[in-house]
PDB file of N, CA and C in Angstrom:
ATOM      1  N   MET A   1     -19.529   9.006 -15.005  1.00  0.00           N
ATOM      2  CA  MET A   1     -18.403   8.762 -14.477  1.00  0.00           C
ATOM      3  C   MET A   1     -18.226   8.300 -13.089  1.00  0.00           C
ATOM      4  N   ARG A   2     -17.636   7.430 -13.094  1.00  0.00           N
ATOM      5  CA  ARG A   2     -17.215   6.638 -11.813  1.00  0.00           C
ATOM      6  C   ARG A   2     -15.868   6.995 -10.849  1.00  0.00           C
ATOM      7  N   ASN A   3     -16.070   7.655  -9.895  1.00  0.00           N
ATOM      8  CA  ASN A   3     -14.552   7.827  -9.364  1.00  0.00           C
ATOM      9  C   ASN A   3     -14.255   7.076  -8.065  1.00  0.00           C
ATOM     10  N   ILE A   4     -13.277   6.423  -8.271  1.00  0.00           N
ATOM     11  CA  ILE A   4     -12.898   5.404  -7.556  1.00  0.00           C
ATOM     12  C   ILE A   4     -11.579   5.464  -7.166  1.00  0.00           C
ATOM     13  N   VAL A   5     -11.706   5.642  -5.234  1.00  0.00           N
ATOM     14  CA  VAL A   5     -10.538   6.153  -4.328  1.00  0.00           C
ATOM     15  C   VAL A   5      -9.990   4.926  -4.000  1.00  0.00           C
ATOM     16  N   LEU A   6      -8.377   4.803  -4.247  1.00  0.00           N
ATOM     17  CA  LEU A   6      -7.738   3.627  -3.536  1.00  0.00           C
ATOM     18  C   LEU A   6      -7.067   4.358  -2.710  1.00  0.00           C
ATOM     19  N   VAL A   7      -6.693   3.908  -1.141  1.00  0.00           N
ATOM     20  CA  VAL A   7      -6.025   4.163   0.181  1.00  0.00           C
ATOM     21  C   VAL A   7      -5.346   2.954   0.111  1.00  0.00           C
ATOM     22  N   CYS A   8      -4.178   3.820   0.410  1.00  0.00           N
ATOM     23  CA  CYS A   8      -3.079   2.548   0.916  1.00  0.00           C
ATOM     24  C   CYS A   8      -2.129   3.254   2.045  1.00  0.00           C
ATOM     25  N   ALA A   9      -0.962   3.018   2.721  1.00  0.00           N
ATOM     26  CA  ALA A   9      -0.321   3.492   3.806  1.00  0.00           C
ATOM     27  C   ALA A   9      -0.091   5.159   3.403  1.00  0.00           C
ATOM     28  N   ALA A  10       1.202   5.225   2.370  1.00  0.00           N
ATOM     29  CA  ALA A  10       1.475   6.198   1.788  1.00  0.00           C
ATOM     30  C   ALA A  10       0.789   7.063   0.519  1.00  0.00           C
ATOM     31  N   GLY A  11      -0.002   6.325  -0.355  1.00  0.00           N
ATOM     32  CA  GLY A  11      -0.567   6.334  -1.468  1.00  0.00           C
ATOM     33  C   GLY A  11       0.375   6.429  -2.672  1.00  0.00           C
ATOM     34  N   MET A  12       1.572   5.728  -2.608  1.00  0.00           N
ATOM     35  CA  MET A  12       1.994   5.460  -3.890  1.00  0.00           C
ATOM     36  C   MET A  12       2.611   4.090  -4.066  1.00  0.00           C
ATOM     37  N   SER A  13       2.191   2.963  -2.972  1.00  0.00           N
ATOM     38  CA  SER A  13       2.417   1.696  -3.322  1.00  0.00           C
ATOM     39  C   SER A  13       1.409   1.020  -4.140  1.00  0.00           C
ATOM     40  N   THR A  14       0.245   1.898  -4.526  1.00  0.00           N
ATOM     41  CA  THR A  14      -1.114   1.416  -5.254  1.00  0.00           C
ATOM     42  C   THR A  14      -0.865   2.023  -6.679  1.00  0.00           C
ATOM     43  N   SER A  15      -0.015   2.803  -6.890  1.00  0.00           N
ATOM     44  CA  SER A  15      -0.044   3.350  -8.182  1.00  0.00           C
ATOM     45  C   SER A  15       0.219   2.568  -9.188  1.00  0.00           C
ATOM     46  N   LEU A  16       0.940   1.580  -9.077  1.00  0.00           N
ATOM     47  CA  LEU A  16       1.212   0.555 -10.620  1.00  0.00           C
ATOM     48  C   LEU A  16      -0.703  -0.339 -10.479  1.00  0.00           C
ATOM     49  N   LEU A  17      -1.361  -0.544  -9.348  1.00  0.00           N
ATOM     50  CA  LEU A  17      -2.274  -0.969  -9.524  1.00  0.00           C
ATOM     51  C   LEU A  17      -3.160  -0.043 -10.299  1.00  0.00           C
ATOM     52  N   VAL A  18      -2.956   1.150 -10.289  1.00  0.00           N
ATOM     53  CA  VAL A  18      -4.061   1.800 -10.671  1.00  0.00           C
ATOM     54  C   VAL A  18      -3.810   2.190 -11.843  1.00  0.00           C
ATOM     55  N   ASN A  19      -2.962   1.702 -12.247  1.00  0.00           N
ATOM     56  CA  ASN A  19      -2.424   1.810 -13.946  1.00  0.00           C
ATOM     57  C   ASN A  19      -2.849   0.911 -14.384  1.00  0.00           C
ATOM     58  N   LYS A  20      -2.649  -0.070 -13.891  1.00  0.00           N
ATOM     59  CA  LYS A  20      -3.410  -1.251 -14.522  1.00  0.00           C
ATOM     60  C   LYS A  20      -4.838  -1.239 -14.410  1.00  0.00           C
ATOM     61  N   MET A  21      -5.503  -0.709 -13.573  1.00  0.00           N
ATOM     62  CA  MET A  21      -6.749  -0.503 -13.436  1.00  0.00           C
ATOM     63  C   MET A  21      -7.568   0.193 -14.295  1.00  0.00           C
ATOM     64  N   ARG A  22      -6.797   1.139 -14.873  1.00  0.00           N
ATOM     65  CA  ARG A  22      -6.758   2.404 -15.426  1.00  0.00           C
ATOM     66  C   ARG A  22      -6.858   1.727 -17.374  1.00  0.00           C
ATOM     67  N   GLU A  23      -5.942   1.109 -17.503  1.00  0.00           N
ATOM     68  CA  GLU A  23      -5.671  -0.243 -18.775  1.00  0.00           C
ATOM     69  C   GLU A  23      -7.006  -0.743 -18.557  1.00  0.00           C
ATOM     70  N   ALA A  24      -7.788  -1.442 -17.724  1.00  0.00           N
ATOM     71  CA  ALA A  24      -8.683  -2.477 -17.493  1.00  0.00           C
ATOM     72  C   ALA A  24      -9.570  -1.765 -18.058  1.00  0.00           C
ATOM     73  N   ALA A  25      -9.922  -0.655 -17.001  1.00  0.00           N
ATOM     74  CA  ALA A  25     -10.896   0.182 -17.264  1.00  0.00           C
ATOM     75  C   ALA A  25     -11.504   0.861 -19.217  1.00  0.00           C
ATOM     76  N   ALA A  26     -10.125   0.940 -19.598  1.00  0.00           N
ATOM     77  CA  ALA A  26     -10.158   1.545 -20.677  1.00  0.00           C
ATOM     78  C   ALA A  26     -10.723   0.644 -21.938  1.00  0.00           C
ATOM     79  N   ALA A  27      -9.768  -0.417 -21.868  1.00  0.00           N
ATOM     80  CA  ALA A  27     -10.098  -1.790 -22.796  1.00  0.00           C
ATOM     81  C   ALA A  27     -11.639  -2.220 -22.454  1.00  0.00           C
ATOM     82  N   GLU A  28     -12.459  -1.778 -21.316  1.00  0.00           N
ATOM     83  CA  GLU A  28     -13.941  -2.312 -21.198  1.00  0.00           C
ATOM     84  C   GLU A  28     -14.743  -1.224 -21.334  1.00  0.00           C
ATOM     85  N   GLN A  29     -14.362   0.102 -21.393  1.00  0.00           N
ATOM     86  CA  GLN A  29     -14.819   1.477 -22.097  1.00  0.00           C
ATOM     87  C   GLN A  29     -15.664   1.326 -20.572  1.00  0.00           C
ATOM     88  N   TYR A  30     -15.308   1.292 -19.568  1.00  0.00           N
ATOM     89  CA  TYR A  30     -15.862   2.071 -17.901  1.00  0.00           C
ATOM     90  C   TYR A  30     -15.658   3.098 -17.855  1.00  0.00           C
ATOM     91  N   ASP A  31     -16.431   4.350 -17.757  1.00  0.00           N
ATOM     92  CA  ASP A  31     -16.101   5.606 -17.890  1.00  0.00           C
ATOM     93  C   ASP A  31     -15.401   5.972 -16.220  1.00  0.00           C
ATOM     94  N   CYS A  32     -14.692   6.251 -15.860  1.00  0.00           N
ATOM     95  CA  CYS A  32     -14.194   6.183 -14.321  1.00  0.00           C
ATOM     96  C   CYS A  32     -12.518   6.576 -14.123  1.00  0.00           C
ATOM     97  N   GLU A  33     -12.384   7.457 -13.076  1.00  0.00           N
ATOM     98  CA  GLU A  33     -11.478   8.232 -12.976  1.00  0.00           C
ATOM     99  C   GLU A  33     -11.134   7.241 -11.606  1.00  0.00           C
ATOM    100  N   ILE A  34      -9.607   7.031 -11.472  1.00  0.00           N
ATOM    101  CA  ILE A  34      -8.903   6.510 -10.680  1.00  0.00           C
ATOM    102  C   ILE A  34      -7.787   6.717 -10.010  1.00  0.00           C
ATOM    103  N   ASN A  35      -8.116   6.672  -8.621  1.00  0.00           N
ATOM    104  CA  ASN A  35      -6.667   7.684  -7.968  1.00  0.00           C
ATOM    105  C   ASN A  35      -6.261   7.258  -6.895  1.00  0.00           C
ATOM    106  N   ALA A  36      -5.149   7.239  -6.036  1.00  0.00           N
ATOM    107  CA  ALA A  36      -4.067   6.489  -4.802  1.00  0.00           C
ATOM    108  C   ALA A  36      -4.377   7.452  -3.892  1.00  0.00           C
ATOM    109  N   TYR A  37      -4.396   7.381  -2.970  1.00  0.00           N
ATOM    110  CA  TYR A  37      -4.056   8.227  -1.972  1.00  0.00           C
ATOM    111  C   TYR A  37      -3.691   7.657  -0.384  1.00  0.00           C
ATOM    112  N   ALA A  38      -3.000   8.519  -0.244  1.00  0.00           N
ATOM    113  CA  ALA A  38      -2.200   8.287   1.568  1.00  0.00           C
ATOM    114  C   ALA A  38      -3.636   8.155   2.149  1.00  0.00           C
ATOM    115  N   VAL A  39      -3.630   6.834   3.610  1.00  0.00           N
ATOM    116  CA  VAL A  39      -5.212   6.670   4.203  1.00  0.00           C
ATOM    117  C   VAL A  39      -5.233   8.475   5.033  1.00  0.00           C
ATOM    118  N   ALA A  40      -4.335   8.835   5.342  1.00  0.00           N
ATOM    119  CA  ALA A  40      -4.333   9.950   6.127  1.00  0.00           C
ATOM    120  C   ALA A  40      -4.958  11.262   5.250  1.00  0.00           C
ATOM    121  N   ASN A  41      -5.097  10.832   3.985  1.00  0.00           N
ATOM    122  CA  ASN A  41      -5.683  11.643   3.044  1.00  0.00           C
ATOM    123  C   ASN A  41      -7.663  11.705   3.048  1.00  0.00           C
ATOM    124  N   ILE A  42      -7.892  10.311   3.538  1.00  0.00           N
ATOM    125  CA  ILE A  42      -9.455  10.518   3.205  1.00  0.00           C
ATOM    126  C   ILE A  42     -10.497  10.722   3.610  1.00  0.00           C
ATOM    127  N   ALA A  43     -10.414  11.730   4.726  1.00  0.00           N
ATOM    128  CA  ALA A  43     -11.154  12.516   5.118  1.00  0.00           C
ATOM    129  C   ALA A  43     -11.589  13.772   4.073  1.00  0.00           C
ATOM    130  N   GLU A  44     -10.655  14.081   3.447  1.00  0.00           N
ATOM    131  CA  GLU A  44     -10.694  14.964   2.202  1.00  0.00           C
ATOM    132  C   GLU A  44     -11.118  14.370   0.695  1.00  0.00           C
ATOM    133  N   LYS A  45     -10.376  13.054   0.681  1.00  0.00           N
ATOM    134  CA  LYS A  45     -10.862  12.559  -0.638  1.00  0.00           C
ATOM    135  C   LYS A  45     -11.921  11.427  -1.140  1.00  0.00           C
ATOM    136  N   GLY A  46     -12.300  10.990   0.139  1.00  0.00           N
ATOM    137  CA  GLY A  46     -13.291  10.538   0.130  1.00  0.00           C
ATOM    138  C   GLY A  46     -14.861  10.419  -0.459  1.00  0.00           C
ATOM    139  N   PRO A  47     -15.223  11.751   0.318  1.00  0.00           N
ATOM    140  CA  PRO A  47     -16.556  12.525  -0.023  1.00  0.00           C
ATOM    141  C   PRO A  47     -16.941  12.219  -1.416  1.00  0.00           C
ATOM    142  N   ALA A  48     -16.043  12.563  -2.291  1.00  0.00           N
ATOM    143  CA  ALA A  48     -16.221  12.173  -3.843  1.00  0.00           C
ATOM    144  C   ALA A  48     -16.476  11.153  -4.256  1.00  0.00           C
ATOM    145  N   ALA A  49     -15.746  10.230  -3.784  1.00  0.00           N
ATOM    146  CA  ALA A  49     -15.522   8.523  -4.202  1.00  0.00           C
ATOM    147  C   ALA A  49     -17.149   8.376  -4.223  1.00  0.00           C
ATOM    148  N   ASP A  50     -17.065   7.242  -5.305  1.00  0.00           N
ATOM    149  CA  ASP A  50     -18.299   6.495  -5.657  1.00  0.00           C
ATOM    150  C   ASP A  50     -17.836   4.945  -4.882  1.00  0.00           C
ATOM    151  N   ILE A  51     -16.509   5.047  -4.775  1.00  0.00           N
ATOM    152  CA  ILE A  51     -16.060   3.320  -3.789  1.00  0.00           C
ATOM    153  C   ILE A  51     -14.604   3.819  -3.627  1.00  0.00           C
ATOM    154  N   ILE A  52     -14.332   2.915  -2.663  1.00  0.00           N
ATOM    155  CA  ILE A  52     -13.499   3.221  -2.047  1.00  0.00           C
ATOM    156  C   ILE A  52     -12.633   1.947  -1.365  1.00  0.00           C
ATOM    157  N   LEU A  53     -11.407   1.922  -1.802  1.00  0.00           N
ATOM    158  CA  LEU A  53     -10.188   0.585  -1.670  1.00  0.00           C
ATOM    159  C   LEU A  53      -9.626   0.653  -1.444  1.00  0.00           C
ATOM    160  N   LEU A  54      -9.648  -0.333  -0.182  1.00  0.00           N
ATOM    161  CA  LEU A  54      -8.511   0.059   0.790  1.00  0.00           C
ATOM    162  C   LEU A  54      -7.278  -1.200   0.485  1.00  0.00           C
ATOM    163  N   GLY A  55      -6.383  -0.814   0.357  1.00  0.00           N
ATOM    164  CA  GLY A  55      -4.707  -1.605  -0.015  1.00  0.00           C
ATOM    165  C   GLY A  55      -4.693  -2.552   1.391  1.00  0.00           C
ATOM    166  N   PRO A  56      -4.083  -3.387   1.098  1.00  0.00           N
ATOM    167  CA  PRO A  56      -3.936  -4.789   2.042  1.00  0.00           C
ATOM    168  C   PRO A  56      -3.128  -4.352   3.346  1.00  0.00           C
ATOM    169  N   GLN A  57      -2.505  -3.286   3.237  1.00  0.00           N
ATOM    170  CA  GLN A  57      -1.744  -2.332   4.141  1.00  0.00           C
ATOM    171  C   GLN A  57      -2.444  -2.262   4.990  1.00  0.00           C
ATOM    172  N   VAL A  58      -3.162  -1.424   4.523  1.00  0.00           N
ATOM    173  CA  VAL A  58      -4.054  -1.111   5.474  1.00  0.00           C
ATOM    174  C   VAL A  58      -5.515  -1.180   5.561  1.00  0.00           C
ATOM    175  N   ARG A  59      -5.844  -2.367   5.688  1.00  0.00           N
ATOM    176  CA  ARG A  59      -7.149  -3.142   6.119  1.00  0.00           C
ATOM    177  C   ARG A  59      -7.568  -2.911   7.341  1.00  0.00           C
ATOM    178  N   PHE A  60      -6.525  -2.621   8.175  1.00  0.00           N
ATOM    179  CA  PHE A  60      -6.902  -2.682   9.642  1.00  0.00           C
ATOM    180  C   PHE A  60      -7.862  -1.340   9.880  1.00  0.00           C
ATOM    181  N   GLN A  61      -7.708  -0.631   8.947  1.00  0.00           N
ATOM    182  CA  GLN A  61      -8.709   0.832   8.833  1.00  0.00           C
ATOM    183  C   GLN A  61     -10.002   0.593   8.335  1.00  0.00           C
ATOM    184  N   LEU A  62     -10.705  -0.748   7.695  1.00  0.00           N
ATOM    185  CA  LEU A  62     -11.207  -0.926   7.053  1.00  0.00           C
ATOM    186  C   LEU A  62     -12.893  -0.076   7.796  1.00  0.00           C
ATOM    187  N   ASP A  63     -13.234  -0.599   9.292  1.00  0.00           N
ATOM    188  CA  ASP A  63     -14.240  -0.425  10.091  1.00  0.00           C
ATOM    189  C   ASP A  63     -14.133   1.352  10.055  1.00  0.00           C
ATOM    190  N   ASN A  64     -12.792   1.965  10.807  1.00  0.00           N
ATOM    191  CA  ASN A  64     -12.823   3.442  10.567  1.00  0.00           C
ATOM    192  C   ASN A  64     -13.471   3.970   9.288  1.00  0.00           C
ATOM    193  N   ILE A  65     -13.346   3.198   8.576  1.00  0.00           N
ATOM    194  CA  ILE A  65     -13.274   3.994   7.045  1.00  0.00           C
ATOM    195  C   ILE A  65     -14.869   3.887   6.781  1.00  0.00           C
ATOM    196  N   LYS A  66     -15.262   2.898   7.321  1.00  0.00           N
ATOM    197  CA  LYS A  66     -16.489   2.432   6.616  1.00  0.00           C
ATOM    198  C   LYS A  66     -17.949   3.639   7.734  1.00  0.00           C
ATOM    199  N   LYS A  67     -16.759   3.631   8.899  1.00  0.00           N
ATOM    200  CA  LYS A  67     -17.993   4.803   9.621  1.00  0.00           C
ATOM    201  C   LYS A  67     -18.186   6.061   9.175  1.00  0.00           C
ATOM    202  N   GLN A  68     -17.231   6.400   8.752  1.00  0.00           N
ATOM    203  CA  GLN A  68     -16.601   7.541   8.551  1.00  0.00           C
ATOM    204  C   GLN A  68     -17.495   7.903   6.993  1.00  0.00           C
ATOM    205  N   PHE A  69     -17.883   6.590   5.875  1.00  0.00           N
ATOM    206  CA  PHE A  69     -18.747   6.731   4.671  1.00  0.00           C
ATOM    207  C   PHE A  69     -19.518   5.887   4.634  1.00  0.00           C
ATOM    208  N   PRO A  70     -20.668   5.946   5.769  1.00  0.00           N
ATOM    209  CA  PRO A  70     -21.489   4.690   5.567  1.00  0.00           C
ATOM    210  C   PRO A  70     -22.720   4.744   4.493  1.00  0.00           C
ATOM    211  N   ASP A  71     -22.531   5.742   3.640  1.00  0.00           N
ATOM    212  CA  ASP A  71     -23.454   5.812   2.457  1.00  0.00           C
ATOM    213  C   ASP A  71     -22.251   5.510   1.112  1.00  0.00           C
ATOM    214  N   LYS A  72     -21.325   4.783   1.357  1.00  0.00           N
ATOM    215  CA  LYS A  72     -20.230   4.672  -0.124  1.00  0.00           C
ATOM    216  C   LYS A  72     -19.840   2.733   0.704  1.00  0.00           C
ATOM    217  N   PRO A  73     -19.779   2.374  -0.864  1.00  0.00           N
ATOM    218  CA  PRO A  73     -19.169   0.966  -0.508  1.00  0.00           C
ATOM    219  C   PRO A  73     -17.835   1.065  -0.122  1.00  0.00           C
ATOM    220  N   VAL A  74     -17.157   0.333   0.816  1.00  0.00           N
ATOM    221  CA  VAL A  74     -16.056   0.802   1.012  1.00  0.00           C
ATOM    222  C   VAL A  74     -15.633  -0.815   1.740  1.00  0.00           C
ATOM    223  N   GLN A  75     -14.543  -0.971   0.649  1.00  0.00           N
ATOM    224  CA  GLN A  75     -13.858  -2.616   0.935  1.00  0.00           C
ATOM    225  C   GLN A  75     -12.183  -2.967  -0.011  1.00  0.00           C
ATOM    226  N   THR A  76     -11.848  -3.608   1.046  1.00  0.00           N
ATOM    227  CA  THR A  76     -10.378  -4.392   0.783  1.00  0.00           C
ATOM    228  C   THR A  76     -10.171  -4.501  -0.542  1.00  0.00           C
ATOM    229  N   ILE A  77      -9.061  -4.550  -1.226  1.00  0.00           N
ATOM    230  CA  ILE A  77      -8.676  -5.028  -2.361  1.00  0.00           C
ATOM    231  C   ILE A  77      -8.324  -6.797  -2.084  1.00  0.00           C
ATOM    232  N   ASP A  78      -8.424  -7.328  -2.904  1.00  0.00           N
ATOM    233  CA  ASP A  78      -8.243  -8.607  -2.765  1.00  0.00           C
ATOM    234  C   ASP A  78      -6.624  -8.907  -2.919  1.00  0.00           C
ATOM    235  N   MET A  79      -5.977  -9.767  -1.810  1.00  0.00           N
ATOM    236  CA  MET A  79      -4.879  -9.504  -1.885  1.00  0.00           C
ATOM    237  C   MET A  79      -4.126 -10.193  -2.653  1.00  0.00           C
ATOM    238  N   MET A  80      -4.964 -10.931  -2.960  1.00  0.00           N
ATOM    239  CA  MET A  80      -4.350 -11.894  -4.503  1.00  0.00           C
ATOM    240  C   MET A  80      -4.049 -11.062  -5.538  1.00  0.00           C
ATOM    241  N   ASP A  81      -5.460 -10.204  -5.562  1.00  0.00           N
ATOM    242  CA  ASP A  81      -5.157  -9.367  -7.084  1.00  0.00           C
ATOM    243  C   ASP A  81      -4.573  -7.841  -6.818  1.00  0.00           C
ATOM    244  N   TYR A  82      -4.153  -7.611  -5.745  1.00  0.00           N
ATOM    245  CA  TYR A  82      -3.149  -6.882  -5.183  1.00  0.00           C
ATOM    246  C   TYR A  82      -1.741  -6.948  -5.835  1.00  0.00           C
ATOM    247  N   GLY A  83      -1.663  -8.315  -5.245  1.00  0.00           N
ATOM    248  CA  GLY A  83      -0.128  -8.688  -4.857  1.00  0.00           C
ATOM    249  C   GLY A  83       0.366  -8.856  -6.433  1.00  0.00           C
ATOM    250  N   THR A  84      -0.631  -9.495  -7.415  1.00  0.00           N
ATOM    251  CA  THR A  84      -0.562  -9.623  -9.047  1.00  0.00           C
ATOM    252  C   THR A  84      -0.661  -8.611  -9.893  1.00  0.00           C
ATOM    253  N   MET A  85      -1.401  -7.484  -9.090  1.00  0.00           N
ATOM    254  CA  MET A  85      -1.456  -6.105  -9.861  1.00  0.00           C
ATOM    255  C   MET A  85      -2.662  -6.286 -10.893  1.00  0.00           C
ATOM    256  N   ASN A  86      -3.734  -7.216 -10.583  1.00  0.00           N
ATOM    257  CA  ASN A  86      -4.476  -7.555 -11.389  1.00  0.00           C
ATOM    258  C   ASN A  86      -5.611  -6.483 -11.174  1.00  0.00           C
ATOM    259  N   GLY A  87      -5.529  -5.349 -12.412  1.00  0.00           N
ATOM    260  CA  GLY A  87      -6.145  -4.202 -12.569  1.00  0.00           C
ATOM    261  C   GLY A  87      -7.977  -5.001 -12.802  1.00  0.00           C
ATOM    262  N   LYS A  88      -7.899  -5.510 -14.280  1.00  0.00           N
ATOM    263  CA  LYS A  88      -9.055  -6.152 -14.569  1.00  0.00           C
ATOM    264  C   LYS A  88     -10.069  -7.004 -13.378  1.00  0.00           C
ATOM    265  N   ASN A  89      -9.609  -7.964 -12.764  1.00  0.00           N
ATOM    266  CA  ASN A  89     -10.008  -8.812 -11.319  1.00  0.00           C
ATOM    267  C   ASN A  89     -10.651  -7.272 -10.463  1.00  0.00           C
ATOM    268  N   VAL A  90      -9.809  -5.836 -10.528  1.00  0.00           N
ATOM    269  CA  VAL A  90     -10.401  -5.033  -9.183  1.00  0.00           C
ATOM    270  C   VAL A  90     -11.288  -4.429  -9.574  1.00  0.00           C
ATOM    271  N   ILE A  91     -11.338  -3.962 -11.159  1.00  0.00           N
ATOM    272  CA  ILE A  91     -12.352  -3.444 -11.842  1.00  0.00           C
ATOM    273  C   ILE A  91     -13.837  -4.532 -11.394  1.00  0.00           C
ATOM    274  N   ALA A  92     -13.362  -5.353 -11.992  1.00  0.00           N
ATOM    275  CA  ALA A  92     -14.667  -5.941 -12.088  1.00  0.00           C
ATOM    276  C   ALA A  92     -15.258  -6.335 -10.395  1.00  0.00           C
ATOM    277  N   ALA A  93     -14.451  -5.969  -9.582  1.00  0.00           N
ATOM    278  CA  ALA A  93     -15.242  -6.235  -8.245  1.00  0.00           C
ATOM    279  C   ALA A  93     -15.698  -5.047  -8.172  1.00  0.00           C
ATOM    280  N   VAL A  94     -15.228  -3.525  -8.457  1.00  0.00           N
ATOM    281  CA  VAL A  94     -15.634  -2.212  -8.336  1.00  0.00           C
ATOM    282  C   VAL A  94     -16.880  -2.302  -9.251  1.00  0.00           C
ATOM    283  N   LYS A  95     -16.992  -3.011 -10.582  1.00  0.00           N
ATOM    284  CA  LYS A  95     -18.346  -2.870 -11.206  1.00  0.00           C
ATOM    285  C   LYS A  95     -19.560  -3.409 -10.146  1.00  0.00           C
ATOM    286  N   LYS A  96     -19.072  -4.869  -9.376  1.00  0.00           N
ATOM    287  CA  LYS A  96     -19.736  -5.587  -8.963  1.00  0.00           C
ATOM    288  C   LYS A  96     -20.388  -4.844  -7.720  1.00  0.00           C
ATOM    289  N   ALA A  97     -19.682  -4.198  -7.357  1.00  0.00           N
ATOM    290  CA  ALA A  97     -19.933  -3.268  -5.732  1.00  0.00           C
ATOM    291  C   ALA A  97     -20.865  -2.245  -6.360  1.00  0.00           C
ATOM    292  N   LEU A  98     -20.841  -1.616  -7.356  1.00  0.00           N
ATOM    293  CA  LEU A  98     -21.795  -0.653  -7.349  1.00  0.00           C
ATOM    294  C   LEU A  98     -23.001  -0.754  -8.615  1.00  0.00           C
ATOM    295  N   GLY A  99     -22.944  -1.978  -9.386  1.00  0.00           N
ATOM    296  CA  GLY A  99     -23.790  -1.894  -9.669  1.00  0.00           C
ATOM    297  C   GLY A  99     -23.928  -2.068 -11.247  1.00  0.00           C
ATOM    298  N   ASP A 100     -22.648  -1.630 -11.529  1.00  0.00           N
ATOM    299  CA  ASP A 100     -22.504  -1.506 -12.870  1.00  0.00           C
ATOM    300  C   ASP A 100     -22.212  -2.719 -13.914  1.00  0.00           C
TER     301      ASP A 100
END
């Protein structure tokens, strides 16, 4: 099972995207856990993640989070996919990044 961690400013704005990603993952029978957290919680939640995705509003934290977790894929969510809540595309990007 993959652990996908999304981070945003407060952990709330990505909740709709998390639901869309869960729906897409279930439709593809992709075994994963997906949760969203505030960027302030990344030190606590990041170690268990297989991949860390940043919402567009916290993309300025990308280099900082990559330094904290050099052994994990850390990337920003595509702004168009985030804006349209395209969970299927975000899951596809996760699978590509993880080689699944």
